Amino acid sequence: MMKSLWAPWRMEFIKSEKKVGSCVFCELPKEKDDKKNLIIYRGKTVFVILNKFPYNLAHMMVVPYDHTHNFRLLQEEQLLEMMKESQRVIEVLEEVYRPEGFNMGLNLGQAAGAGIKDHLHLHVVPRWNGDTNFMPVIAETKGMPEHLQTCFDKCEAVYRRKIK
């Protein structure tokens, strides 16, 4: 039997106006307000950002600065930094939220589920036993136990401590 993933809070993203020729993953790093833009960390070739429309609390993404949808075009330095920062994201999330597991992955192309298909990004989603309950199924509502800015503050502080 096919199961459904209910994420109705993502409707804001789905209905939001998409600027033609614009890429959120290219535009946000150009701005200097990392807290507003939920950018946790800026590396040499990648940055770490909280998902503004998460499937779960503290859903982060590791994103190359280079605008590409083609994983094969990433340079070795980008691949290495992407994986190293993914390890650090897991370390930070383990300290801050103590998840019992993680989903990680790349959705390459619209057919694979990419919401932003032209700029690849690696998802790191913390998971807890029982984090899917009756609310998404019955009420089409996902309980987010903490505000995104609070999550940002907690994770960013631990991230900064870990890079020193």
Foldseek 3Di string as FASTA:
>chain_A
DDDDQQQVLCVCVVPDDDDPPDDLLQPVVVDDPCLVQQFLADDDFWTKGADPRDSAPRKIKIFGNDFALDPVPDDPVNVVVRVVVLVLSVVLCCVQPVAPDWDKDWQAAVVSPDPRNRTIIIIIGGHHVPLDDCCCVPVSDHDHPDDSSVSSVSSSVVSVVVVD
